[in-house]
Amino acid sequence: IGGLWYSPALFMNRWMAITGVDREQF
């Protein structure tokens, strides 16, 4: 569930935008 939740298909991009974390940091 966590893998799906934080996948680009679901909420990863929104989460990264809100937190200011980029893909490299992630």
PDB file of all heavy atoms in Angstrom:
ATOM      1  N   ILE A   1       0.837  -1.209   0.000  1.00  0.00           N
ATOM      2  CA  ILE A   1       0.000   0.000   0.000  1.00  0.00           C
ATOM      3  C   ILE A   1       0.869   1.256   0.000  1.00  0.00           C
ATOM      4  O   ILE A   1       0.612   2.205  -0.742  1.00  0.00           O
ATOM      5  CB  ILE A   1      -0.983  -0.008   1.185  1.00  0.00           C
ATOM      6  CG1 ILE A   1      -2.015  -1.115   0.979  1.00  0.00           C
ATOM      7  CG2 ILE A   1      -1.660   1.354   1.349  1.00  0.00           C
ATOM      8  CD1 ILE A   1      -2.900  -1.364   2.175  1.00  0.00           C
ATOM      9  N   GLY A   2       1.914   1.264   0.826  1.00  0.00           N
ATOM     10  CA  GLY A   2       2.829   2.412   0.860  1.00  0.00           C
ATOM     11  C   GLY A   2       3.525   2.621  -0.466  1.00  0.00           C
ATOM     12  O   GLY A   2       3.698   3.759  -0.919  1.00  0.00           O
ATOM     13  N   GLY A   3       3.921   1.535  -1.119  1.00  0.00           N
ATOM     14  CA  GLY A   3       4.559   1.635  -2.425  1.00  0.00           C
ATOM     15  C   GLY A   3       3.630   2.233  -3.462  1.00  0.00           C
ATOM     16  O   GLY A   3       4.040   3.066  -4.282  1.00  0.00           O
ATOM     17  N   LEU A   4       2.381   1.817  -3.415  1.00  0.00           N
ATOM     18  CA  LEU A   4       1.395   2.394  -4.335  1.00  0.00           C
ATOM     19  C   LEU A   4       1.115   3.848  -3.988  1.00  0.00           C
ATOM     20  O   LEU A   4       1.038   4.712  -4.861  1.00  0.00           O
ATOM     21  CB  LEU A   4       0.098   1.582  -4.294  1.00  0.00           C
ATOM     22  CG  LEU A   4       0.169   0.191  -4.908  1.00  0.00           C
ATOM     23  CD1 LEU A   4      -1.114  -0.583  -4.616  1.00  0.00           C
ATOM     24  CD2 LEU A   4       0.425   0.273  -6.400  1.00  0.00           C
ATOM     25  N   TRP A   5       0.936   4.124  -2.700  1.00  0.00           N
ATOM     26  CA  TRP A   5       0.598   5.464  -2.220  1.00  0.00           C
ATOM     27  C   TRP A   5       1.649   6.485  -2.658  1.00  0.00           C
ATOM     28  O   TRP A   5       1.333   7.565  -3.122  1.00  0.00           O
ATOM     29  CB  TRP A   5       0.490   5.434  -0.701  1.00  0.00           C
ATOM     30  CG  TRP A   5      -0.110   6.664  -0.109  1.00  0.00           C
ATOM     31  CD1 TRP A   5       0.555   7.762   0.360  1.00  0.00           C
ATOM     32  CD2 TRP A   5      -1.499   6.929   0.078  1.00  0.00           C
ATOM     33  NE1 TRP A   5      -0.333   8.690   0.843  1.00  0.00           N
ATOM     34  CE2 TRP A   5      -1.606   8.198   0.680  1.00  0.00           C
ATOM     35  CE3 TRP A   5      -2.661   6.213  -0.184  1.00  0.00           C
ATOM     36  CZ2 TRP A   5      -2.819   8.768   1.020  1.00  0.00           C
ATOM     37  CZ3 TRP A   5      -3.865   6.785   0.157  1.00  0.00           C
ATOM     38  CH2 TRP A   5      -3.940   8.042   0.743  1.00  0.00           C
ATOM     39  N   TYR A   6       2.920   6.129  -2.477  1.00  0.00           N
ATOM     40  CA  TYR A   6       4.010   7.044  -2.820  1.00  0.00           C
ATOM     41  C   TYR A   6       4.559   6.799  -4.222  1.00  0.00           C
ATOM     42  O   TYR A   6       5.695   7.162  -4.518  1.00  0.00           O
ATOM     43  CB  TYR A   6       5.129   6.959  -1.780  1.00  0.00           C
ATOM     44  CG  TYR A   6       4.739   7.618  -0.490  1.00  0.00           C
ATOM     45  CD1 TYR A   6       4.384   6.873   0.618  1.00  0.00           C
ATOM     46  CD2 TYR A   6       4.700   9.005  -0.396  1.00  0.00           C
ATOM     47  CE1 TYR A   6       4.008   7.483   1.800  1.00  0.00           C
ATOM     48  CE2 TYR A   6       4.322   9.631   0.784  1.00  0.00           C
ATOM     49  CZ  TYR A   6       3.983   8.854   1.868  1.00  0.00           C
ATOM     50  OH  TYR A   6       3.615   9.473   3.033  1.00  0.00           O
ATOM     51  N   SER A   7       3.763   6.201  -5.083  1.00  0.00           N
ATOM     52  CA  SER A   7       4.178   5.994  -6.471  1.00  0.00           C
ATOM     53  C   SER A   7       3.804   7.227  -7.293  1.00  0.00           C
ATOM     54  O   SER A   7       2.911   7.988  -6.922  1.00  0.00           O
ATOM     55  CB  SER A   7       3.488   4.755  -7.048  1.00  0.00           C
ATOM     56  OG  SER A   7       2.112   5.019  -7.271  1.00  0.00           O
ATOM     57  N   PRO A   8       4.485   7.405  -8.433  1.00  0.00           N
ATOM     58  CA  PRO A   8       4.111   8.518  -9.311  1.00  0.00           C
ATOM     59  C   PRO A   8       2.663   8.416  -9.803  1.00  0.00           C
ATOM     60  O   PRO A   8       2.042   9.440 -10.096  1.00  0.00           O
ATOM     61  CB  PRO A   8       5.097   8.399 -10.473  1.00  0.00           C
ATOM     62  CG  PRO A   8       6.260   7.658  -9.908  1.00  0.00           C
ATOM     63  CD  PRO A   8       5.684   6.722  -8.881  1.00  0.00           C
ATOM     64  N   ALA A   9       2.129   7.211  -9.843  1.00  0.00           N
ATOM     65  CA  ALA A   9       0.747   7.034 -10.303  1.00  0.00           C
ATOM     66  C   ALA A   9      -0.265   7.618  -9.315  1.00  0.00           C
ATOM     67  O   ALA A   9      -1.357   8.012  -9.725  1.00  0.00           O
ATOM     68  CB  ALA A   9       0.455   5.557 -10.520  1.00  0.00           C
ATOM     69  N   LEU A  10       0.086   7.685  -8.034  1.00  0.00           N
ATOM     70  CA  LEU A  10      -0.860   8.216  -7.057  1.00  0.00           C
ATOM     71  C   LEU A  10      -0.384   9.555  -6.499  1.00  0.00           C
ATOM     72  O   LEU A  10      -0.650  10.591  -7.077  1.00  0.00           O
ATOM     73  CB  LEU A  10      -1.114   7.200  -5.931  1.00  0.00           C
ATOM     74  CG  LEU A  10      -1.947   5.983  -6.329  1.00  0.00           C
ATOM     75  CD1 LEU A  10      -2.137   5.042  -5.149  1.00  0.00           C
ATOM     76  CD2 LEU A  10      -3.289   6.401  -6.880  1.00  0.00           C
ATOM     77  N   PHE A  11       0.319   9.564  -5.367  1.00  0.00           N
ATOM     78  CA  PHE A  11       0.557  10.818  -4.655  1.00  0.00           C
ATOM     79  C   PHE A  11       2.006  11.272  -4.553  1.00  0.00           C
ATOM     80  O   PHE A  11       2.289  12.269  -3.898  1.00  0.00           O
ATOM     81  CB  PHE A  11      -0.027  10.711  -3.239  1.00  0.00           C
ATOM     82  CG  PHE A  11      -1.496  10.413  -3.233  1.00  0.00           C
ATOM     83  CD1 PHE A  11      -1.964   9.198  -2.775  1.00  0.00           C
ATOM     84  CD2 PHE A  11      -2.406  11.334  -3.715  1.00  0.00           C
ATOM     85  CE1 PHE A  11      -3.325   8.912  -2.764  1.00  0.00           C
ATOM     86  CE2 PHE A  11      -3.768  11.062  -3.721  1.00  0.00           C
ATOM     87  CZ  PHE A  11      -4.223   9.846  -3.246  1.00  0.00           C
ATOM     88  N   MET A  12       2.931  10.571  -5.171  1.00  0.00           N
ATOM     89  CA  MET A  12       4.340  10.930  -5.028  1.00  0.00           C
ATOM     90  C   MET A  12       4.612  12.363  -5.484  1.00  0.00           C
ATOM     91  O   MET A  12       5.256  13.133  -4.769  1.00  0.00           O
ATOM     92  CB  MET A  12       5.240   9.976  -5.793  1.00  0.00           C
ATOM     93  CG  MET A  12       6.708  10.340  -5.722  1.00  0.00           C
ATOM     94  SD  MET A  12       7.693   9.236  -6.725  1.00  0.00           S
ATOM     95  CE  MET A  12       9.129   9.117  -5.699  1.00  0.00           C
ATOM     96  N   ASN A  13       4.140  12.715  -6.653  1.00  0.00           N
ATOM     97  CA  ASN A  13       4.432  14.056  -7.186  1.00  0.00           C
ATOM     98  C   ASN A  13       3.801  15.147  -6.329  1.00  0.00           C
ATOM     99  O   ASN A  13       4.434  16.177  -6.065  1.00  0.00           O
ATOM    100  CB  ASN A  13       3.966  14.146  -8.641  1.00  0.00           C
ATOM    101  CG  ASN A  13       4.746  13.197  -9.528  1.00  0.00           C
ATOM    102  OD1 ASN A  13       5.919  12.934  -9.285  1.00  0.00           O
ATOM    103  ND2 ASN A  13       4.098  12.663 -10.541  1.00  0.00           N
ATOM    104  N   ARG A  14       2.572  14.921  -5.876  1.00  0.00           N
ATOM    105  CA  ARG A  14       1.931  15.910  -4.988  1.00  0.00           C
ATOM    106  C   ARG A  14       2.677  16.019  -3.673  1.00  0.00           C
ATOM    107  O   ARG A  14       2.886  17.105  -3.148  1.00  0.00           O
ATOM    108  CB  ARG A  14       0.478  15.520  -4.727  1.00  0.00           C
ATOM    109  CG  ARG A  14      -0.408  15.762  -5.901  1.00  0.00           C
ATOM    110  CD  ARG A  14      -1.846  15.524  -5.511  1.00  0.00           C
ATOM    111  NE  ARG A  14      -2.468  14.777  -6.584  1.00  0.00           N
ATOM    112  CZ  ARG A  14      -3.602  14.147  -6.504  1.00  0.00           C
ATOM    113  NH1 ARG A  14      -4.285  14.141  -5.392  1.00  0.00           N
ATOM    114  NH2 ARG A  14      -4.093  13.505  -7.530  1.00  0.00           N
ATOM    115  N   TRP A  15       3.064  14.860  -3.105  1.00  0.00           N
ATOM    116  CA  TRP A  15       3.788  14.848  -1.834  1.00  0.00           C
ATOM    117  C   TRP A  15       5.115  15.585  -1.981  1.00  0.00           C
ATOM    118  O   TRP A  15       5.482  16.393  -1.121  1.00  0.00           O
ATOM    119  CB  TRP A  15       4.003  13.407  -1.376  1.00  0.00           C
ATOM    120  CG  TRP A  15       4.814  13.312  -0.129  1.00  0.00           C
ATOM    121  CD1 TRP A  15       4.370  13.433   1.150  1.00  0.00           C
ATOM    122  CD2 TRP A  15       6.221  13.074  -0.048  1.00  0.00           C
ATOM    123  NE1 TRP A  15       5.425  13.286   2.031  1.00  0.00           N
ATOM    124  CE2 TRP A  15       6.564  13.070   1.312  1.00  0.00           C
ATOM    125  CE3 TRP A  15       7.226  12.864  -0.982  1.00  0.00           C
ATOM    126  CZ2 TRP A  15       7.861  12.853   1.753  1.00  0.00           C
ATOM    127  CZ3 TRP A  15       8.521  12.661  -0.552  1.00  0.00           C
ATOM    128  CH2 TRP A  15       8.820  12.661   0.807  1.00  0.00           C
ATOM    129  N   MET A  16       5.843  15.331  -3.066  1.00  0.00           N
ATOM    130  CA  MET A  16       7.129  16.003  -3.275  1.00  0.00           C
ATOM    131  C   MET A  16       6.937  17.508  -3.434  1.00  0.00           C
ATOM    132  O   MET A  16       7.738  18.289  -2.926  1.00  0.00           O
ATOM    133  CB  MET A  16       7.868  15.409  -4.481  1.00  0.00           C
ATOM    134  CG  MET A  16       8.394  14.019  -4.197  1.00  0.00           C
ATOM    135  SD  MET A  16       9.582  13.335  -5.393  1.00  0.00           S
ATOM    136  CE  MET A  16       8.855  13.677  -6.944  1.00  0.00           C
ATOM    137  N   ALA A  17       5.873  17.927  -4.108  1.00  0.00           N
ATOM    138  CA  ALA A  17       5.616  19.361  -4.273  1.00  0.00           C
ATOM    139  C   ALA A  17       5.310  20.021  -2.937  1.00  0.00           C
ATOM    140  O   ALA A  17       5.798  21.116  -2.651  1.00  0.00           O
ATOM    141  CB  ALA A  17       4.454  19.567  -5.253  1.00  0.00           C
ATOM    142  N   ILE A  18       4.514  19.357  -2.094  1.00  0.00           N
ATOM    143  CA  ILE A  18       4.145  19.927  -0.791  1.00  0.00           C
ATOM    144  C   ILE A  18       5.344  19.994   0.143  1.00  0.00           C
ATOM    145  O   ILE A  18       5.547  20.972   0.846  1.00  0.00           O
ATOM    146  CB  ILE A  18       3.006  19.119  -0.136  1.00  0.00           C
ATOM    147  CG1 ILE A  18       1.718  19.267  -0.940  1.00  0.00           C
ATOM    148  CG2 ILE A  18       2.779  19.548   1.305  1.00  0.00           C
ATOM    149  CD1 ILE A  18       0.627  18.302  -0.508  1.00  0.00           C
ATOM    150  N   THR A  19       6.165  18.930   0.148  1.00  0.00           N
ATOM    151  CA  THR A  19       7.280  18.859   1.087  1.00  0.00           C
ATOM    152  C   THR A  19       8.536  19.559   0.595  1.00  0.00           C
ATOM    153  O   THR A  19       9.432  19.859   1.383  1.00  0.00           O
ATOM    154  CB  THR A  19       7.645  17.394   1.402  1.00  0.00           C
ATOM    155  OG1 THR A  19       8.029  16.739   0.186  1.00  0.00           O
ATOM    156  CG2 THR A  19       6.496  16.664   2.062  1.00  0.00           C
ATOM    157  N   GLY A  20       8.619  19.784  -0.703  1.00  0.00           N
ATOM    158  CA  GLY A  20       9.826  20.384  -1.253  1.00  0.00           C
ATOM    159  C   GLY A  20      10.948  19.376  -1.447  1.00  0.00           C
ATOM    160  O   GLY A  20      12.090  19.751  -1.699  1.00  0.00           O
ATOM    161  N   VAL A  21      10.633  18.098  -1.348  1.00  0.00           N
ATOM    162  CA  VAL A  21      11.619  17.036  -1.559  1.00  0.00           C
ATOM    163  C   VAL A  21      11.644  16.718  -3.051  1.00  0.00           C
ATOM    164  O   VAL A  21      10.602  16.517  -3.668  1.00  0.00           O
ATOM    165  CB  VAL A  21      11.242  15.774  -0.753  1.00  0.00           C
ATOM    166  CG1 VAL A  21      12.151  14.606  -1.098  1.00  0.00           C
ATOM    167  CG2 VAL A  21      11.283  16.064   0.735  1.00  0.00           C
ATOM    168  N   ASP A  22      12.854  16.692  -3.630  1.00  0.00           N
ATOM    169  CA  ASP A  22      12.944  16.325  -5.044  1.00  0.00           C
ATOM    170  C   ASP A  22      13.244  14.833  -5.172  1.00  0.00           C
ATOM    171  O   ASP A  22      13.517  14.147  -4.194  1.00  0.00           O
ATOM    172  CB  ASP A  22      13.966  17.179  -5.787  1.00  0.00           C
ATOM    173  CG  ASP A  22      15.398  16.995  -5.291  1.00  0.00           C
ATOM    174  OD1 ASP A  22      15.717  15.936  -4.701  1.00  0.00           O
ATOM    175  OD2 ASP A  22      16.211  17.911  -5.495  1.00  0.00           O
ATOM    176  N   ARG A  23      13.179  14.347  -6.393  1.00  0.00           N
ATOM    177  CA  ARG A  23      13.353  12.901  -6.633  1.00  0.00           C
ATOM    178  C   ARG A  23      14.720  12.420  -6.162  1.00  0.00           C
ATOM    179  O   ARG A  23      14.830  11.329  -5.609  1.00  0.00           O
ATOM    180  CB  ARG A  23      13.148  12.609  -8.120  1.00  0.00           C
ATOM    181  CG  ARG A  23      13.369  11.178  -8.480  1.00  0.00           C
ATOM    182  CD  ARG A  23      12.244  10.368  -8.872  1.00  0.00           C
ATOM    183  NE  ARG A  23      11.091  11.062  -9.379  1.00  0.00           N
ATOM    184  CZ  ARG A  23       9.981  10.433  -9.650  1.00  0.00           C
ATOM    185  NH1 ARG A  23       9.915   9.142  -9.475  1.00  0.00           N
ATOM    186  NH2 ARG A  23       8.938  11.069 -10.082  1.00  0.00           N
ATOM    187  N   GLU A  24      15.756  13.212  -6.356  1.00  0.00           N
ATOM    188  CA  GLU A  24      17.105  12.819  -5.929  1.00  0.00           C
ATOM    189  C   GLU A  24      17.171  12.660  -4.403  1.00  0.00           C
ATOM    190  O   GLU A  24      17.735  11.693  -3.902  1.00  0.00           O
ATOM    191  CB  GLU A  24      18.126  13.857  -6.402  1.00  0.00           C
ATOM    192  CG  GLU A  24      19.553  13.469  -6.119  1.00  0.00           C
ATOM    193  CD  GLU A  24      20.534  14.498  -6.656  1.00  0.00           C
ATOM    194  OE1 GLU A  24      20.369  14.927  -7.818  1.00  0.00           O
ATOM    195  OE2 GLU A  24      21.455  14.872  -5.893  1.00  0.00           O
ATOM    196  N   GLN A  25      16.601  13.618  -3.673  1.00  0.00           N
ATOM    197  CA  GLN A  25      16.569  13.515  -2.208  1.00  0.00           C
ATOM    198  C   GLN A  25      15.759  12.291  -1.790  1.00  0.00           C
ATOM    199  O   GLN A  25      16.149  11.567  -0.872  1.00  0.00           O
ATOM    200  CB  GLN A  25      15.928  14.753  -1.592  1.00  0.00           C
ATOM    201  CG  GLN A  25      16.746  16.004  -1.686  1.00  0.00           C
ATOM    202  CD  GLN A  25      15.927  17.205  -1.220  1.00  0.00           C
ATOM    203  OE1 GLN A  25      14.830  17.446  -1.721  1.00  0.00           O
ATOM    204  NE2 GLN A  25      16.471  17.938  -0.270  1.00  0.00           N
ATOM    205  N   PHE A  26      14.618  12.091  -2.442  1.00  0.00           N
ATOM    206  CA  PHE A  26      13.753  10.955  -2.115  1.00  0.00           C
ATOM    207  C   PHE A  26      14.515   9.651  -2.284  1.00  0.00           C
ATOM    208  O   PHE A  26      14.522   8.809  -1.386  1.00  0.00           O
ATOM    209  CB  PHE A  26      12.515  10.975  -3.009  1.00  0.00           C
ATOM    210  CG  PHE A  26      11.560   9.853  -2.734  1.00  0.00           C
ATOM    211  CD1 PHE A  26      10.633   9.948  -1.707  1.00  0.00           C
ATOM    212  CD2 PHE A  26      11.580   8.698  -3.504  1.00  0.00           C
ATOM    213  CE1 PHE A  26       9.746   8.913  -1.450  1.00  0.00           C
ATOM    214  CE2 PHE A  26      10.701   7.653  -3.251  1.00  0.00           C
ATOM    215  CZ  PHE A  26       9.778   7.767  -2.212  1.00  0.00           C
TER     216      PHE A  26
END
